Amino acid sequence: MTTQAQKQGGESGDITPLAWLTWWAEDCLLQADPSWWNGKVRLPDSPQRRDWLHVNAEQLHRHFSLPSVLPPDPLASLMQIGTLDTAQRETVLRLMARVCQPVRNPDRSDAEGIWCERLAKALRPGLWLQSAVTFSVSSSLASSAAGYQDALTLLRIRYGETCWPRLRLLFPRDWPGDGEHPCDTPTMSLPAARLNALCDALIWKASTPT
């Protein structure tokens, strides 16, 4: 029942091993949320970025706490999150909450709500998510850190601990689970097929023009 990216396989799609290794080593940094580059280390202008990353890869991996480990098998959906813009990445997390806590019989004009309800009926997250996963907001930051903690945790479980240090770079640095205030490693056991299908559907929806 435990979801780990290493056990998935079959998600390489059209990704070449070189493209996956390049993303693992450099592109995850190029696609990092801008908040990660607001400290002492600044990303240079576009024409110089890739060469600069290549030359300084070892130091940057230490700075961003990226373990020097081999990547798992290629994960097309993880790379797809990296291609999303900031608003689309947030949409993935927002839709996660809507699907896992769907509004019954949404207004007919709420196309997104209807889509979320249909996905919820297909995947039945209420039957396999633990009661602690409530998507509740404990502060006024309803659209950011506090509101997305559970959604980020599910993404972390879906891709596994090996991918988490790079996955977290794609979201704002001050959100739960960041490098300076790390959250605990999730211990819940979830059905891999359903969690993977949920996350993949949300990534697809967020990347689809409305």
C-alpha atoms as a PDB file:
ATOM      1  CA  MET A   1       0.000   0.000   0.000  1.00  0.00           C
ATOM      2  CA  THR A   2       2.896   2.409   0.501  1.00  0.00           C
ATOM      3  CA  THR A   3       3.420   4.802  -2.388  1.00  0.00           C
ATOM      4  CA  GLN A   4       7.000   5.230  -3.528  1.00  0.00           C
ATOM      5  CA  ALA A   5       8.166   6.610  -6.848  1.00  0.00           C
ATOM      6  CA  GLN A   6      10.818   3.920  -7.108  1.00  0.00           C
ATOM      7  CA  LYS A   7       8.126   1.236  -7.365  1.00  0.00           C
ATOM      8  CA  GLN A   8       6.077   2.896 -10.069  1.00  0.00           C
ATOM      9  CA  GLY A   9       7.900   2.335 -13.341  1.00  0.00           C
ATOM     10  CA  GLY A  10       6.266   2.830 -16.716  1.00  0.00           C
ATOM     11  CA  GLU A  11       6.053   6.620 -16.404  1.00  0.00           C
ATOM     12  CA  SER A  12       8.941   7.575 -18.630  1.00  0.00           C
ATOM     13  CA  GLY A  13       6.708   8.402 -21.608  1.00  0.00           C
ATOM     14  CA  ASP A  14       8.825  10.170 -24.229  1.00  0.00           C
ATOM     15  CA  ILE A  15      11.458  11.229 -21.693  1.00  0.00           C
ATOM     16  CA  THR A  16      14.993  10.208 -22.543  1.00  0.00           C
ATOM     17  CA  PRO A  17      17.342   9.150 -19.745  1.00  0.00           C
ATOM     18  CA  LEU A  18      19.495  12.199 -20.547  1.00  0.00           C
ATOM     19  CA  ALA A  19      16.534  14.579 -20.212  1.00  0.00           C
ATOM     20  CA  TRP A  20      15.632  13.044 -16.845  1.00  0.00           C
ATOM     21  CA  LEU A  21      19.209  13.260 -15.559  1.00  0.00           C
ATOM     22  CA  THR A  22      19.444  16.866 -16.753  1.00  0.00           C
ATOM     23  CA  TRP A  23      16.254  17.735 -14.908  1.00  0.00           C
ATOM     24  CA  TRP A  24      17.513  15.979 -11.778  1.00  0.00           C
ATOM     25  CA  ALA A  25      20.850  17.804 -11.819  1.00  0.00           C
ATOM     26  CA  GLU A  26      19.994  21.245 -13.197  1.00  0.00           C
ATOM     27  CA  ASP A  27      16.498  21.868 -14.534  1.00  0.00           C
ATOM     28  CA  CYS A  28      14.844  21.413 -11.141  1.00  0.00           C
ATOM     29  CA  LEU A  29      16.895  24.438 -10.064  1.00  0.00           C
ATOM     30  CA  LEU A  30      16.047  26.426 -13.190  1.00  0.00           C
ATOM     31  CA  GLN A  31      12.344  25.736 -12.563  1.00  0.00           C
ATOM     32  CA  ALA A  32      12.489  26.434  -8.821  1.00  0.00           C
ATOM     33  CA  ASP A  33      10.023  28.926  -7.390  1.00  0.00           C
ATOM     34  CA  PRO A  34      11.598  32.420  -7.426  1.00  0.00           C
ATOM     35  CA  SER A  35      11.488  32.536  -3.616  1.00  0.00           C
ATOM     36  CA  TRP A  36      14.358  30.041  -3.499  1.00  0.00           C
ATOM     37  CA  TRP A  37      16.615  32.536  -5.270  1.00  0.00           C
ATOM     38  CA  ASN A  38      15.912  35.516  -3.003  1.00  0.00           C
ATOM     39  CA  GLY A  39      18.722  34.771  -0.550  1.00  0.00           C
ATOM     40  CA  LYS A  40      22.468  35.030  -0.876  1.00  0.00           C
ATOM     41  CA  VAL A  41      22.509  32.974  -4.070  1.00  0.00           C
ATOM     42  CA  ARG A  42      20.978  34.645  -7.116  1.00  0.00           C
ATOM     43  CA  LEU A  43      20.201  33.081 -10.468  1.00  0.00           C
ATOM     44  CA  PRO A  44      22.074  34.937 -13.237  1.00  0.00           C
ATOM     45  CA  ASP A  45      20.446  36.292 -16.390  1.00  0.00           C
ATOM     46  CA  SER A  46      19.041  33.751 -18.833  1.00  0.00           C
ATOM     47  CA  PRO A  47      21.902  33.475 -21.371  1.00  0.00           C
ATOM     48  CA  GLN A  48      24.335  32.473 -18.624  1.00  0.00           C
ATOM     49  CA  ARG A  49      22.111  30.334 -16.432  1.00  0.00           C
ATOM     50  CA  ARG A  50      22.755  26.815 -17.662  1.00  0.00           C
ATOM     51  CA  ASP A  51      26.527  27.226 -17.898  1.00  0.00           C
ATOM     52  CA  TRP A  52      26.559  28.802 -14.436  1.00  0.00           C
ATOM     53  CA  LEU A  53      24.477  25.948 -12.995  1.00  0.00           C
ATOM     54  CA  HIS A  54      26.728  23.363 -14.589  1.00  0.00           C
ATOM     55  CA  VAL A  55      29.896  24.947 -13.214  1.00  0.00           C
ATOM     56  CA  ASN A  56      28.457  25.456  -9.720  1.00  0.00           C
ATOM     57  CA  ALA A  57      26.306  22.316  -9.495  1.00  0.00           C
ATOM     58  CA  GLU A  58      28.029  20.812  -6.465  1.00  0.00           C
ATOM     59  CA  GLN A  59      27.877  24.022  -4.409  1.00  0.00           C
ATOM     60  CA  LEU A  60      24.252  24.660  -5.398  1.00  0.00           C
ATOM     61  CA  HIS A  61      23.210  21.138  -4.445  1.00  0.00           C
ATOM     62  CA  ARG A  62      24.693  21.720  -0.996  1.00  0.00           C
ATOM     63  CA  HIS A  63      23.072  25.152  -0.712  1.00  0.00           C
ATOM     64  CA  PHE A  64      19.626  23.779  -1.538  1.00  0.00           C
ATOM     65  CA  SER A  65      20.137  20.552   0.466  1.00  0.00           C
ATOM     66  CA  LEU A  66      19.875  18.279  -2.569  1.00  0.00           C
ATOM     67  CA  PRO A  67      21.317  14.852  -1.733  1.00  0.00           C
ATOM     68  CA  SER A  68      23.858  13.445  -4.183  1.00  0.00           C
ATOM     69  CA  VAL A  69      21.841  10.354  -5.038  1.00  0.00           C
ATOM     70  CA  LEU A  70      20.931   8.688  -8.300  1.00  0.00           C
ATOM     71  CA  PRO A  71      17.400   9.491  -9.468  1.00  0.00           C
ATOM     72  CA  PRO A  72      14.662   6.860  -9.613  1.00  0.00           C
ATOM     73  CA  ASP A  73      13.223   5.784 -12.951  1.00  0.00           C
ATOM     74  CA  PRO A  74      12.049   8.766 -15.051  1.00  0.00           C
ATOM     75  CA  LEU A  75       8.896  10.439 -13.762  1.00  0.00           C
ATOM     76  CA  ALA A  76       7.181  12.357 -16.545  1.00  0.00           C
ATOM     77  CA  SER A  77       4.555  13.884 -14.269  1.00  0.00           C
ATOM     78  CA  LEU A  78       7.175  15.290 -11.890  1.00  0.00           C
ATOM     79  CA  MET A  79       8.934  16.964 -14.801  1.00  0.00           C
ATOM     80  CA  GLN A  80       5.544  18.251 -15.955  1.00  0.00           C
ATOM     81  CA  ILE A  81       5.010  20.018 -12.628  1.00  0.00           C
ATOM     82  CA  GLY A  82       8.277  21.806 -13.315  1.00  0.00           C
ATOM     83  CA  THR A  83       6.936  23.140 -16.617  1.00  0.00           C
ATOM     84  CA  LEU A  84       3.872  24.671 -14.933  1.00  0.00           C
ATOM     85  CA  ASP A  85       3.900  28.319 -13.959  1.00  0.00           C
ATOM     86  CA  THR A  86       3.415  29.476 -10.375  1.00  0.00           C
ATOM     87  CA  ALA A  87      -0.369  29.783 -10.636  1.00  0.00           C
ATOM     88  CA  GLN A  88      -0.725  26.357 -12.258  1.00  0.00           C
ATOM     89  CA  ARG A  89       1.353  24.700  -9.540  1.00  0.00           C
ATOM     90  CA  GLU A  90      -0.890  26.273  -6.931  1.00  0.00           C
ATOM     91  CA  THR A  91      -3.889  25.030  -8.898  1.00  0.00           C
ATOM     92  CA  VAL A  92      -2.650  21.447  -8.464  1.00  0.00           C
ATOM     93  CA  LEU A  93      -2.741  21.883  -4.680  1.00  0.00           C
ATOM     94  CA  ARG A  94      -6.066  23.713  -4.674  1.00  0.00           C
ATOM     95  CA  LEU A  95      -7.717  21.050  -6.826  1.00  0.00           C
ATOM     96  CA  MET A  96      -6.311  18.361  -4.543  1.00  0.00           C
ATOM     97  CA  ALA A  97      -8.328  19.823  -1.669  1.00  0.00           C
ATOM     98  CA  ARG A  98     -11.457  20.160  -3.813  1.00  0.00           C
ATOM     99  CA  VAL A  99     -11.304  16.550  -5.002  1.00  0.00           C
ATOM    100  CA  CYS A 100     -10.560  15.109  -1.573  1.00  0.00           C
ATOM    101  CA  GLN A 101     -13.316  17.192   0.028  1.00  0.00           C
ATOM    102  CA  PRO A 102     -15.791  17.610  -2.825  1.00  0.00           C
ATOM    103  CA  VAL A 103     -18.898  19.748  -2.632  1.00  0.00           C
ATOM    104  CA  ARG A 104     -21.876  17.537  -3.312  1.00  0.00           C
ATOM    105  CA  ASN A 105     -24.039  18.621  -6.245  1.00  0.00           C
ATOM    106  CA  PRO A 106     -21.985  21.704  -7.198  1.00  0.00           C
ATOM    107  CA  ASP A 107     -23.579  24.562  -9.092  1.00  0.00           C
ATOM    108  CA  ARG A 108     -23.955  23.742 -12.782  1.00  0.00           C
ATOM    109  CA  SER A 109     -21.940  26.850 -13.634  1.00  0.00           C
ATOM    110  CA  ASP A 110     -19.009  25.575 -11.552  1.00  0.00           C
ATOM    111  CA  ALA A 111     -17.289  23.476 -14.218  1.00  0.00           C
ATOM    112  CA  GLU A 112     -14.228  22.946 -12.042  1.00  0.00           C
ATOM    113  CA  GLY A 113     -16.371  21.780  -9.135  1.00  0.00           C
ATOM    114  CA  ILE A 114     -18.212  19.312 -11.366  1.00  0.00           C
ATOM    115  CA  TRP A 115     -14.887  17.944 -12.657  1.00  0.00           C
ATOM    116  CA  CYS A 116     -13.595  17.560  -9.099  1.00  0.00           C
ATOM    117  CA  GLU A 117     -16.767  15.783  -7.985  1.00  0.00           C
ATOM    118  CA  ARG A 118     -16.518  13.310 -10.877  1.00  0.00           C
ATOM    119  CA  LEU A 119     -12.872  12.565 -10.109  1.00  0.00           C
ATOM    120  CA  ALA A 120     -13.746  12.094  -6.439  1.00  0.00           C
ATOM    121  CA  LYS A 121     -16.472   9.596  -7.360  1.00  0.00           C
ATOM    122  CA  ALA A 122     -14.013   7.654  -9.498  1.00  0.00           C
ATOM    123  CA  LEU A 123     -11.111   7.539  -7.028  1.00  0.00           C
ATOM    124  CA  ARG A 124     -13.027   7.604  -3.712  1.00  0.00           C
ATOM    125  CA  PRO A 125     -10.323   9.442  -1.699  1.00  0.00           C
ATOM    126  CA  GLY A 126     -12.588   9.520   1.326  1.00  0.00           C
ATOM    127  CA  LEU A 127     -12.217   5.742   1.640  1.00  0.00           C
ATOM    128  CA  TRP A 128      -8.402   5.648   1.716  1.00  0.00           C
ATOM    129  CA  LEU A 129      -7.206   8.990   3.069  1.00  0.00           C
ATOM    130  CA  GLN A 130      -6.563   9.046   6.795  1.00  0.00           C
ATOM    131  CA  SER A 131      -8.779  11.187   8.992  1.00  0.00           C
ATOM    132  CA  ALA A 132      -5.819  13.441   9.826  1.00  0.00           C
ATOM    133  CA  VAL A 133      -5.800  14.657   6.210  1.00  0.00           C
ATOM    134  CA  THR A 134      -8.434  17.372   6.471  1.00  0.00           C
ATOM    135  CA  PHE A 135      -7.097  20.152   4.199  1.00  0.00           C
ATOM    136  CA  SER A 136      -8.118  22.513   6.980  1.00  0.00           C
ATOM    137  CA  VAL A 137      -6.710  26.013   7.186  1.00  0.00           C
ATOM    138  CA  SER A 138      -5.417  26.936  10.614  1.00  0.00           C
ATOM    139  CA  SER A 139      -4.794  30.619   9.861  1.00  0.00           C
ATOM    140  CA  SER A 140      -5.833  33.444   7.569  1.00  0.00           C
ATOM    141  CA  LEU A 141      -3.339  32.235   4.931  1.00  0.00           C
ATOM    142  CA  ALA A 142      -6.084  30.337   3.170  1.00  0.00           C
ATOM    143  CA  SER A 143      -4.416  30.523  -0.225  1.00  0.00           C
ATOM    144  CA  SER A 144      -0.866  29.672   0.735  1.00  0.00           C
ATOM    145  CA  ALA A 145       1.252  27.847   3.305  1.00  0.00           C
ATOM    146  CA  ALA A 146      -1.206  26.616   5.932  1.00  0.00           C
ATOM    147  CA  GLY A 147      -3.913  25.765   3.436  1.00  0.00           C
ATOM    148  CA  TYR A 148      -1.715  23.534   1.306  1.00  0.00           C
ATOM    149  CA  GLN A 149       0.140  21.469   3.896  1.00  0.00           C
ATOM    150  CA  ASP A 150      -1.906  18.309   3.349  1.00  0.00           C
ATOM    151  CA  ALA A 151      -1.806  18.624  -0.446  1.00  0.00           C
ATOM    152  CA  LEU A 152       1.982  18.992  -0.379  1.00  0.00           C
ATOM    153  CA  THR A 153       2.203  15.955   1.891  1.00  0.00           C
ATOM    154  CA  LEU A 154       0.259  13.850  -0.613  1.00  0.00           C
ATOM    155  CA  LEU A 155       2.554  14.979  -3.427  1.00  0.00           C
ATOM    156  CA  ARG A 156       5.520  14.093  -1.245  1.00  0.00           C
ATOM    157  CA  ILE A 157       4.156  10.588  -0.662  1.00  0.00           C
ATOM    158  CA  ARG A 158       3.316  10.158  -4.327  1.00  0.00           C
ATOM    159  CA  TYR A 159       6.878  10.908  -5.499  1.00  0.00           C
ATOM    160  CA  GLY A 160       8.768   9.522  -2.516  1.00  0.00           C
ATOM    161  CA  GLU A 161      11.516  10.805  -0.259  1.00  0.00           C
ATOM    162  CA  THR A 162      14.198  10.528  -2.946  1.00  0.00           C
ATOM    163  CA  CYS A 163      12.374  13.090  -5.100  1.00  0.00           C
ATOM    164  CA  TRP A 164      11.094  15.338  -2.311  1.00  0.00           C
ATOM    165  CA  PRO A 165      14.157  17.639  -2.002  1.00  0.00           C
ATOM    166  CA  ARG A 166      13.741  18.552  -5.681  1.00  0.00           C
ATOM    167  CA  LEU A 167       9.936  18.561  -5.708  1.00  0.00           C
ATOM    168  CA  ARG A 168       9.804  21.101  -2.860  1.00  0.00           C
ATOM    169  CA  LEU A 169      11.862  23.554  -4.942  1.00  0.00           C
ATOM    170  CA  LEU A 170       8.880  23.943  -7.266  1.00  0.00           C
ATOM    171  CA  PHE A 171       6.798  25.584  -4.516  1.00  0.00           C
ATOM    172  CA  PRO A 172       7.420  28.704  -2.389  1.00  0.00           C
ATOM    173  CA  ARG A 173      10.241  28.316   0.107  1.00  0.00           C
ATOM    174  CA  ASP A 174       8.188  29.422   3.131  1.00  0.00           C
ATOM    175  CA  TRP A 175       5.487  26.807   2.614  1.00  0.00           C
ATOM    176  CA  PRO A 176       5.360  23.759   4.917  1.00  0.00           C
ATOM    177  CA  GLY A 177       8.160  21.306   4.408  1.00  0.00           C
ATOM    178  CA  ASP A 178      10.729  23.810   3.159  1.00  0.00           C
ATOM    179  CA  GLY A 179      14.423  23.433   3.800  1.00  0.00           C
ATOM    180  CA  GLU A 180      14.558  25.791   6.774  1.00  0.00           C
ATOM    181  CA  HIS A 181      11.451  24.435   8.502  1.00  0.00           C
ATOM    182  CA  PRO A 182      11.252  20.810   7.368  1.00  0.00           C
ATOM    183  CA  CYS A 183       8.136  18.843   8.102  1.00  0.00           C
ATOM    184  CA  ASP A 184       8.335  15.304   9.359  1.00  0.00           C
ATOM    185  CA  THR A 185       8.615  12.484   6.871  1.00  0.00           C
ATOM    186  CA  PRO A 186       5.067  11.229   6.166  1.00  0.00           C
ATOM    187  CA  THR A 187       4.339   7.834   7.673  1.00  0.00           C
ATOM    188  CA  MET A 188       0.855   7.166   6.295  1.00  0.00           C
ATOM    189  CA  SER A 189       0.348   4.252   3.925  1.00  0.00           C
ATOM    190  CA  LEU A 190      -1.803   4.973   0.879  1.00  0.00           C
ATOM    191  CA  PRO A 191      -2.867   2.934  -2.182  1.00  0.00           C
ATOM    192  CA  ALA A 192      -0.279   3.782  -4.825  1.00  0.00           C
ATOM    193  CA  ALA A 193      -2.488   3.362  -7.887  1.00  0.00           C
ATOM    194  CA  ARG A 194      -5.200   5.699  -6.625  1.00  0.00           C
ATOM    195  CA  LEU A 195      -2.850   8.350  -5.279  1.00  0.00           C
ATOM    196  CA  ASN A 196      -0.854   8.310  -8.514  1.00  0.00           C
ATOM    197  CA  ALA A 197      -4.032   8.595 -10.583  1.00  0.00           C
ATOM    198  CA  LEU A 198      -5.227  11.482  -8.417  1.00  0.00           C
ATOM    199  CA  CYS A 199      -1.998  13.449  -8.729  1.00  0.00           C
ATOM    200  CA  ASP A 200      -1.629  12.762 -12.443  1.00  0.00           C
ATOM    201  CA  ALA A 201      -5.187  13.939 -13.121  1.00  0.00           C
ATOM    202  CA  LEU A 202      -4.645  17.149 -11.157  1.00  0.00           C
ATOM    203  CA  ILE A 203      -1.393  17.921 -12.979  1.00  0.00           C
ATOM    204  CA  TRP A 204      -3.127  17.332 -16.313  1.00  0.00           C
ATOM    205  CA  LYS A 205      -6.050  19.572 -15.324  1.00  0.00           C
ATOM    206  CA  ALA A 206      -3.773  22.369 -14.143  1.00  0.00           C
ATOM    207  CA  SER A 207      -1.816  22.266 -17.397  1.00  0.00           C
ATOM    208  CA  THR A 208      -4.915  22.276 -19.613  1.00  0.00           C
ATOM    209  CA  PRO A 209      -6.022  25.702 -20.918  1.00  0.00           C
ATOM    210  CA  THR A 210      -9.424  26.719 -19.612  1.00  0.00           C
END
